[in-house]
């Protein structure tokens, strides 16, 4: 399965993946998912928000156990973030059948659409729509860099955008959702463990900083006469690093847009996107407030106007304690694994769904901690251990 999926959407230039929502690469990933489902005699369906489901048993019976993740990527992302959870889900089902496991609850595998938000700028669109965290009106306003709206992109890919919206009946069928994911960090590598259980997702958000100055000639405008927004932006990037270090958090300006974007022109607009995350809400508030305060001081000093807009925010998410403890019990009694419990600064579909259904996460060791990069990696024996752990969990939950 891994070998079949590996070349889909891969850039020959970077070696990374460009599997963006509602593109040709996305269609190829979806075709792969459907084929895996049909090869196993599972019922395949696509919900109103474009998420794919594969079912063993009748989901309308309710109290289903579901696993899976996503197949899309960030720009030039790695092979493991998302796909490892989907591939492992099918592999875990194969393992359960090999064992002759007795499953008494419906078992589902899901591929959530547009988890990374690489095309439309909002993460977890598929799960947000399904859970009602994203309204239809908000979804219709999402556009990509070419001005193409989400509904138009879906329609071009052969899906009905008029069907978008909350799907409470589907979520009511789910008794537990467990997402396996490569760890995006080195906690497991440092502790020497192959598998971990998630405790919580840090609060996190995205803020857009618009620095507006005055376009002018780069060769003839005196430094003293300039209103250069790039200076304010650059100083704000450094301020973000300082504020994050002081609070023990993280803050990143990873995306920038410049107008008029000419080599010999002073910019009139520098737009930068801040991503910040912290272990608790108070720390996150301290970081973002400090960054904005510094940005406004720098802007004033350079005669630049500044607008700050919060584009998305997710509060701290504690995974269902009972389900988390059940995973620990299953993996502690049925296997010889040591399974630590750890928090994460990365967002996931499991976090979005946690407000509607009991959710939990398993992490597979990442020896370098690198993620959202072609260098992202997990060793085959660790991935196999992840499949075994997921199979144990699914068997323990689905026979209860």
Protein backbone atom coordinates (compact mmCIF):
# COMPACT_ATOMS: atom_id res chain seq x y z
CA UNK A 1 0.00 0.00 0.00
CA UNK A 2 2.76 2.42 0.95
CA UNK A 3 4.59 1.89 -2.34
CA UNK A 4 1.41 2.49 -4.35
CA UNK A 5 0.64 5.77 -2.59
CA UNK A 6 4.19 7.09 -2.42
CA UNK A 7 4.47 8.66 -5.92
CA UNK A 8 1.07 10.40 -5.85
CA UNK A 9 1.46 14.18 -5.86
CA UNK A 10 5.22 14.08 -5.36
CA UNK A 11 7.26 16.99 -6.69
CA UNK A 12 10.30 15.99 -8.73
CA UNK A 13 11.88 19.33 -7.85
CA UNK A 14 11.63 19.20 -4.05
CA UNK A 15 10.92 15.55 -3.33
CA UNK A 16 8.00 16.73 -1.20
CA UNK A 17 4.26 16.34 -1.70
CA UNK A 18 1.70 18.73 -3.14
CA UNK A 19 -1.55 16.93 -2.49
CA UNK A 20 -3.88 19.90 -2.25
CA UNK A 21 -7.64 19.70 -1.84
CA UNK A 22 -9.74 19.12 -4.95
CA UNK A 23 -6.77 18.83 -7.33
CA UNK A 24 -5.61 16.00 -9.56
CA UNK A 25 -3.30 14.65 -6.85
CA UNK A 26 -6.18 14.71 -4.38
CA UNK A 27 -8.34 12.78 -6.85
CA UNK A 28 -5.61 10.15 -7.23
CA UNK A 29 -5.42 9.78 -3.43
CA UNK A 30 -9.18 9.40 -3.24
CA UNK A 31 -9.14 6.76 -5.98
CA UNK A 32 -6.46 4.88 -4.04
CA UNK A 33 -8.60 4.98 -0.87
CA UNK A 34 -11.65 3.70 -2.69
CA UNK A 35 -9.68 0.87 -4.26
CA UNK A 36 -8.30 -0.19 -0.88
CA UNK A 37 -11.84 -0.28 0.52
CA UNK A 38 -13.25 -2.25 -2.39
CA UNK A 39 -10.33 -4.72 -2.35
CA UNK A 40 -11.33 -5.57 1.24
CA UNK A 41 -15.04 -5.84 0.57
CA UNK A 42 -15.77 -2.70 2.57
CA UNK A 43 -18.64 -0.34 1.84
CA UNK A 44 -17.24 2.90 0.43
CA UNK A 45 -19.10 6.20 0.67
CA UNK A 46 -18.40 9.92 0.36
CA UNK A 47 -20.26 12.21 2.75
CA UNK A 48 -21.75 15.61 2.01
CA UNK A 49 -18.44 17.38 2.81
CA UNK A 50 -16.24 15.20 0.63
CA UNK A 51 -14.84 12.96 3.39
CA UNK A 52 -14.37 9.32 2.41
CA UNK A 53 -15.55 6.41 4.57
CA UNK A 54 -14.97 2.67 4.34
CA UNK A 55 -17.17 0.45 6.51
CA UNK A 56 -16.99 -3.07 7.87
CA UNK A 57 -20.46 -3.76 9.18
CA UNK A 58 -23.50 -1.49 9.16
CA UNK A 59 -22.70 2.01 10.46
CA UNK A 60 -26.39 2.71 11.02
CA UNK A 61 -26.22 0.25 13.91
CA UNK A 62 -24.36 2.96 15.81
CA UNK A 63 -21.59 2.89 18.42
CA UNK A 64 -19.06 2.42 15.62
CA UNK A 65 -15.31 2.41 16.12
CA UNK A 66 -13.61 4.58 13.50
CA UNK A 67 -9.97 5.17 12.64
CA UNK A 68 -8.13 7.01 9.86
CA UNK A 69 -6.60 10.39 9.13
CA UNK A 70 -6.02 12.41 5.93
CA UNK A 71 -4.17 12.11 2.62
CA UNK A 72 -3.60 15.76 1.67
CA UNK A 73 -0.37 17.61 2.40
CA UNK A 74 1.18 20.97 3.13
CA UNK A 75 3.23 22.48 0.27
CA UNK A 76 6.22 20.18 -0.25
CA UNK A 77 5.25 18.15 2.80
CA UNK A 78 6.43 14.74 3.87
CA UNK A 79 5.08 11.29 3.10
CA UNK A 80 3.94 10.36 6.61
CA UNK A 81 1.84 13.26 7.95
CA UNK A 82 -1.68 11.99 7.41
CA UNK A 83 -1.13 9.05 5.03
CA UNK A 84 0.52 6.93 7.75
CA UNK A 85 -2.78 6.97 9.66
CA UNK A 86 -4.80 5.90 6.64
CA UNK A 87 -2.41 3.20 5.47
CA UNK A 88 -2.09 1.90 9.03
CA UNK A 89 -5.88 1.77 9.34
CA UNK A 90 -6.21 -0.60 6.38
CA UNK A 91 -3.19 -2.60 7.57
CA UNK A 92 -4.71 -2.89 11.07
CA UNK A 93 -7.93 -4.25 9.57
CA UNK A 94 -5.87 -6.82 7.65
CA UNK A 95 -4.18 -7.78 10.92
CA UNK A 96 -7.54 -8.18 12.69
CA UNK A 97 -8.73 -10.50 9.93
CA UNK A 98 -5.49 -12.48 10.13
CA UNK A 99 -6.08 -12.93 13.85
CA UNK A 100 -9.68 -13.95 13.32
CA UNK A 101 -10.68 -11.19 15.73
CA UNK A 102 -14.31 -11.13 16.84
CA UNK A 103 -15.70 -7.68 16.05
CA UNK A 104 -19.15 -6.86 17.40
CA UNK A 105 -19.31 -3.14 16.57
CA UNK A 106 -19.20 -1.47 13.12
CA UNK A 107 -15.65 -0.56 12.13
CA UNK A 108 -14.91 2.43 9.90
CA UNK A 109 -11.88 3.94 8.16
CA UNK A 110 -11.99 7.61 7.15
CA UNK A 111 -10.02 9.97 4.93
CA UNK A 112 -10.89 13.52 5.98
CA UNK A 113 -10.65 16.11 3.23
CA UNK A 114 -8.43 19.20 3.28
CA UNK A 115 -6.94 18.64 6.73
CA UNK A 116 -3.82 20.70 6.09
CA UNK A 117 -5.60 23.73 4.65
CA UNK A 118 -2.81 24.26 2.12
CA UNK A 119 -5.11 25.47 -0.63
CA UNK A 120 -7.79 27.52 1.14
CA UNK A 121 -5.88 28.62 4.23
CA UNK A 122 -8.02 26.86 6.84
CA UNK A 123 -7.04 23.54 8.39
CA UNK A 124 -9.39 20.58 8.90
CA UNK A 125 -12.09 21.84 6.54
CA UNK A 126 -13.70 18.42 6.10
CA UNK A 127 -13.99 17.64 9.80
CA UNK A 128 -14.89 21.24 10.68
CA UNK A 129 -17.82 21.19 8.26
CA UNK A 130 -18.99 17.79 9.46
CA UNK A 131 -18.91 18.81 13.11
CA UNK A 132 -20.42 22.24 12.49
CA UNK A 133 -17.28 24.09 13.59
CA UNK A 134 -17.21 25.70 10.13
CA UNK A 135 -20.48 27.11 8.78
CA UNK A 136 -21.61 26.77 5.19
CA UNK A 137 -21.39 30.55 4.78
CA UNK A 138 -17.80 30.57 6.02
CA UNK A 139 -16.89 27.67 3.74
CA UNK A 140 -18.33 29.43 0.70
CA UNK A 141 -16.09 32.43 1.40
CA UNK A 142 -12.89 30.38 1.34
CA UNK A 143 -10.72 31.07 -1.71
CA UNK A 144 -7.35 29.86 -2.92
CA UNK A 145 -4.44 31.96 -4.19
CA UNK A 146 -6.02 32.10 -7.67
CA UNK A 147 -9.33 33.39 -6.34
CA UNK A 148 -11.12 30.06 -6.84
CA UNK A 149 -13.72 29.46 -4.16
CA UNK A 150 -14.08 26.19 -2.29
CA UNK A 151 -17.51 25.46 -3.84
CA UNK A 152 -16.15 26.08 -7.33
CA UNK A 153 -13.16 23.81 -6.70
CA UNK A 154 -15.39 21.03 -5.37
CA UNK A 155 -17.72 21.33 -8.35
CA UNK A 156 -14.79 21.16 -10.77
CA UNK A 157 -13.70 17.95 -9.04
CA UNK A 158 -17.15 16.42 -9.50
CA UNK A 159 -18.66 17.03 -6.06
CA UNK A 160 -21.82 18.88 -5.08
CA UNK A 161 -20.98 22.04 -3.08
CA UNK A 162 -24.66 22.64 -2.33
CA UNK A 163 -24.57 19.61 -0.02
CA UNK A 164 -21.98 21.12 2.33
CA UNK A 165 -22.94 21.37 5.98
CA UNK A 166 -23.06 19.75 9.42
CA UNK A 167 -23.57 15.99 9.50
CA UNK A 168 -24.80 15.19 13.03
CA UNK A 169 -26.45 11.91 12.06
CA UNK A 170 -23.14 10.53 10.81
CA UNK A 171 -21.27 11.61 13.92
CA UNK A 172 -23.99 10.15 16.15
CA UNK A 173 -23.12 6.73 14.74
CA UNK A 174 -19.56 6.93 16.08
CA UNK A 175 -18.81 5.61 19.55
CA UNK A 176 -15.04 6.20 19.37
CA UNK A 177 -12.57 7.72 16.92
CA UNK A 178 -8.86 6.85 17.15
CA UNK A 179 -6.40 8.61 14.86
CA UNK A 180 -2.88 7.25 14.36
CA UNK A 181 -0.32 9.85 13.30
CA UNK A 182 3.42 10.18 12.98
CA UNK A 183 4.69 12.25 15.90
CA UNK A 184 5.52 15.80 14.89
CA UNK A 185 8.33 16.24 17.34
CA UNK A 186 10.98 14.13 19.13
CA UNK A 187 9.39 13.26 22.45
CA UNK A 188 9.19 9.53 21.63
CA UNK A 189 12.67 9.47 20.15
CA UNK A 190 14.07 11.09 23.29
CA UNK A 191 12.21 8.67 25.58
CA UNK A 192 13.06 5.61 23.44
CA UNK A 193 9.42 4.62 22.91
CA UNK A 194 7.91 3.54 19.62
CA UNK A 195 4.29 4.45 20.36
CA UNK A 196 2.66 7.21 22.38
CA UNK A 197 -0.85 8.26 23.37
CA UNK A 198 -1.96 11.87 23.02
CA UNK A 199 -3.14 13.72 26.11
CA UNK A 200 -4.14 17.05 24.58
CA UNK A 201 -3.64 19.43 21.67
CA UNK A 202 -2.17 22.80 22.59
CA UNK A 203 -4.28 25.90 21.95
CA UNK A 204 -3.23 27.43 18.65
CA UNK A 205 -4.23 29.94 16.02
CA UNK A 206 -3.31 31.92 12.93
CA UNK A 207 -3.11 35.70 12.76
CA UNK A 208 -2.63 37.90 9.67
CA UNK A 209 -0.47 41.00 10.04
CA UNK A 210 -0.96 43.64 7.30
CA UNK A 211 1.79 46.27 7.25
CA UNK A 212 0.84 49.12 4.88
CA UNK A 213 3.45 51.65 3.80
CA UNK A 214 4.21 53.55 0.61
CA UNK A 215 5.48 52.09 -2.64
CA UNK A 216 8.45 53.97 -4.07
CA UNK A 217 11.60 53.63 -6.14
CA UNK A 218 14.27 51.49 -4.47
CA UNK A 219 17.09 53.42 -6.10
CA UNK A 220 16.04 57.03 -5.74
CA UNK A 221 14.14 57.24 -2.43
CA UNK A 222 16.28 58.32 0.52
CA UNK A 223 16.20 56.00 3.51
CA UNK A 224 14.90 58.85 5.66
CA UNK A 225 11.98 59.41 3.26
CA UNK A 226 10.77 55.82 3.16
CA UNK A 227 7.66 54.26 4.71
CA UNK A 228 8.91 50.70 4.24
CA UNK A 229 6.60 48.03 5.71
CA UNK A 230 9.22 45.34 5.21
CA UNK A 231 11.29 46.79 8.06
CA UNK A 232 8.37 46.58 10.48
CA UNK A 233 7.60 43.06 9.34
CA UNK A 234 11.21 41.91 9.74
CA UNK A 235 11.42 43.33 13.25
CA UNK A 236 8.12 41.64 14.13
CA UNK A 237 9.47 38.26 13.02
CA UNK A 238 12.36 38.66 15.46
CA UNK A 239 9.96 39.82 18.18
CA UNK A 240 7.88 36.67 17.67
CA UNK A 241 10.92 34.52 18.34
CA UNK A 242 11.77 36.44 21.51
CA UNK A 243 8.22 36.33 22.89
CA UNK A 244 7.90 32.60 22.21
CA UNK A 245 11.20 31.82 23.92
CA UNK A 246 10.19 33.78 27.01
CA UNK A 247 6.87 31.92 27.31
CA UNK A 248 8.14 28.44 26.43
CA UNK A 249 5.85 28.45 23.40
CA UNK A 250 6.28 28.52 19.61
CA UNK A 251 5.57 31.31 17.12
CA UNK A 252 6.25 31.25 13.39
CA UNK A 253 5.84 33.63 10.48
CA UNK A 254 5.90 31.06 7.70
CA UNK A 255 3.97 32.77 4.92
CA UNK A 256 4.36 36.23 3.39
CA UNK A 257 2.82 38.22 0.54
CA UNK A 258 4.36 41.43 -0.76
CA UNK A 259 2.99 44.17 -3.02
CA UNK A 260 4.04 45.23 -5.59
CA UNK A 261 6.67 42.50 -5.15
CA UNK A 262 9.32 44.09 -7.35
CA UNK A 263 13.07 43.85 -6.83
CA UNK A 264 13.54 47.57 -7.40
CA UNK A 265 10.41 48.72 -5.55
CA UNK A 266 9.82 49.57 -1.92
CA UNK A 267 6.75 47.57 -0.86
CA UNK A 268 3.41 49.20 -0.26
CA UNK A 269 2.09 46.14 1.60
CA UNK A 270 3.71 43.30 3.48
CA UNK A 271 1.26 40.69 4.68
CA UNK A 272 2.57 38.02 7.03
CA UNK A 273 0.82 35.12 8.68
CA UNK A 274 1.66 34.19 12.27
CA UNK A 275 1.15 30.68 13.62
CA UNK A 276 1.48 30.45 17.40
CA UNK A 277 0.92 27.59 19.86
CA UNK A 278 1.46 27.10 23.58
CA UNK A 279 0.82 24.52 26.28
CA UNK A 280 -1.93 26.66 27.85
CA UNK A 281 -4.18 29.55 26.94
CA UNK A 282 -2.52 32.09 29.22
CA UNK A 283 0.88 31.49 27.63
CA UNK A 284 -0.54 31.75 24.13
CA UNK A 285 -2.29 35.02 24.97
CA UNK A 286 0.94 36.41 26.39
CA UNK A 287 2.89 35.52 23.26
CA UNK A 288 0.41 36.90 20.73
CA UNK A 289 -0.24 40.07 22.75
CA UNK A 290 3.49 40.69 23.03
CA UNK A 291 4.03 40.18 19.30
CA UNK A 292 1.20 42.53 18.35
CA UNK A 293 2.40 45.19 20.80
CA UNK A 294 5.92 45.06 19.33
CA UNK A 295 4.54 45.11 15.77
CA UNK A 296 2.53 48.26 16.45
CA UNK A 297 5.54 49.99 17.96
CA UNK A 298 7.71 49.11 14.97
CA UNK A 299 5.00 50.20 12.52
CA UNK A 300 4.60 53.56 14.25
CA UNK A 301 8.33 54.13 14.20
CA UNK A 302 8.47 53.62 10.42
CA UNK A 303 5.28 55.51 9.55
CA UNK A 304 3.51 52.28 8.63
CA UNK A 305 -0.13 51.32 9.25
CA UNK A 306 -0.91 47.93 10.77
CA UNK A 307 -4.00 45.73 10.82
CA UNK A 308 -4.05 42.43 12.73
CA UNK A 309 -6.75 39.86 11.99
CA UNK A 310 -7.22 36.53 13.78
CA UNK A 311 -8.08 34.12 10.96
CA UNK A 312 -8.50 30.94 12.99
CA UNK A 313 -8.25 29.74 16.56
CA UNK A 314 -8.57 26.42 18.38
CA UNK A 315 -8.61 26.31 22.18
CA UNK A 316 -6.86 23.60 24.17
CA UNK A 317 -8.34 20.18 23.41
CA UNK A 318 -8.25 17.50 26.07
CA UNK A 319 -8.85 14.10 24.52
CA UNK A 320 -11.55 11.97 26.10
CA UNK A 321 -10.01 10.77 29.36
CA UNK A 322 -11.97 7.53 29.54
CA UNK A 323 -11.04 6.56 25.99
CA UNK A 324 -7.43 7.61 26.51
CA UNK A 325 -7.24 5.48 29.65
CA UNK A 326 -8.82 2.55 27.81
CA UNK A 327 -6.14 2.76 25.13
CA UNK A 328 -3.47 2.77 27.81
CA UNK A 329 -5.09 -0.25 29.46
CA UNK A 330 -5.31 -2.18 26.19
CA UNK A 331 -1.74 -1.44 25.19
CA UNK A 332 -0.49 -2.01 28.72
CA UNK A 333 -2.08 -5.42 29.17
CA UNK A 334 -2.27 -6.87 25.68
CA UNK A 335 1.25 -5.90 24.56
CA UNK A 336 4.73 -5.39 25.97
CA UNK A 337 4.82 -1.76 24.78
CA UNK A 338 5.67 1.10 27.05
CA UNK A 339 3.19 3.76 26.04
CA UNK A 340 3.81 7.27 27.36
CA UNK A 341 1.13 9.95 27.29
CA UNK A 342 2.21 13.24 25.73
CA UNK A 343 0.77 16.53 24.50
CA UNK A 344 1.17 17.96 21.03
CA UNK A 345 1.29 21.37 19.43
CA UNK A 346 -0.11 20.11 16.12
CA UNK A 347 -3.79 20.24 15.18
CA UNK A 348 -5.64 17.18 13.92
CA UNK A 349 -9.09 16.07 12.76
CA UNK A 350 -9.34 14.12 16.02
CA UNK A 351 -9.16 17.42 17.86
CA UNK A 352 -11.96 18.92 15.78
CA UNK A 353 -14.21 15.91 16.35
CA UNK A 354 -13.50 15.76 20.08
CA UNK A 355 -16.39 18.11 20.84
CA UNK A 356 -18.85 15.68 19.26
CA UNK A 357 -17.49 12.15 19.79
CA UNK A 358 -14.96 10.49 22.11
CA UNK A 359 -11.59 10.76 20.38
CA UNK A 360 -8.03 9.61 21.03
CA UNK A 361 -4.72 9.57 19.19
CA UNK A 362 -1.75 7.26 18.84
CA UNK A 363 1.66 8.61 17.81
CA UNK A 364 4.40 6.71 15.98
CA UNK A 365 8.01 7.65 16.72
CA UNK A 366 9.68 10.16 14.42
CA UNK A 367 13.47 9.79 14.88
CA UNK A 368 14.32 13.29 13.67
CA UNK A 369 11.23 15.17 14.79
CA UNK A 370 11.05 16.76 11.33
CA UNK A 371 7.56 17.23 9.88
CA UNK A 372 5.93 19.26 7.11
CA UNK A 373 9.10 18.59 5.12
CA UNK A 374 10.34 15.99 2.61
CA UNK A 375 12.72 14.85 5.38
CA UNK A 376 9.80 13.61 7.50
CA UNK A 377 10.43 9.97 8.38
CA UNK A 378 9.43 6.99 10.47
CA UNK A 379 11.27 3.65 10.50
CA UNK A 380 9.47 0.62 9.10
CA UNK A 381 9.64 -1.33 12.35
CA UNK A 382 8.10 1.61 14.22
CA UNK A 383 5.35 1.87 11.62
CA UNK A 384 4.71 -1.85 11.99
CA UNK A 385 4.54 -1.43 15.75
CA UNK A 386 1.99 1.32 15.14
CA UNK A 387 -0.16 -1.00 13.04
CA UNK A 388 -0.01 -3.68 15.74
CA UNK A 389 -0.92 -1.17 18.45
CA UNK A 390 -3.80 0.21 16.37
CA UNK A 391 -5.06 -3.32 15.68
CA UNK A 392 -4.93 -4.09 19.41
CA UNK A 393 -6.87 -0.92 20.19
CA UNK A 394 -9.50 -1.52 17.52
CA UNK A 395 -9.96 -5.10 18.64
CA UNK A 396 -10.24 -4.06 22.26
CA UNK A 397 -12.78 -1.35 21.52
CA UNK A 398 -14.81 -3.10 18.81
CA UNK A 399 -15.45 -6.22 20.84
CA UNK A 400 -16.60 -4.26 23.91
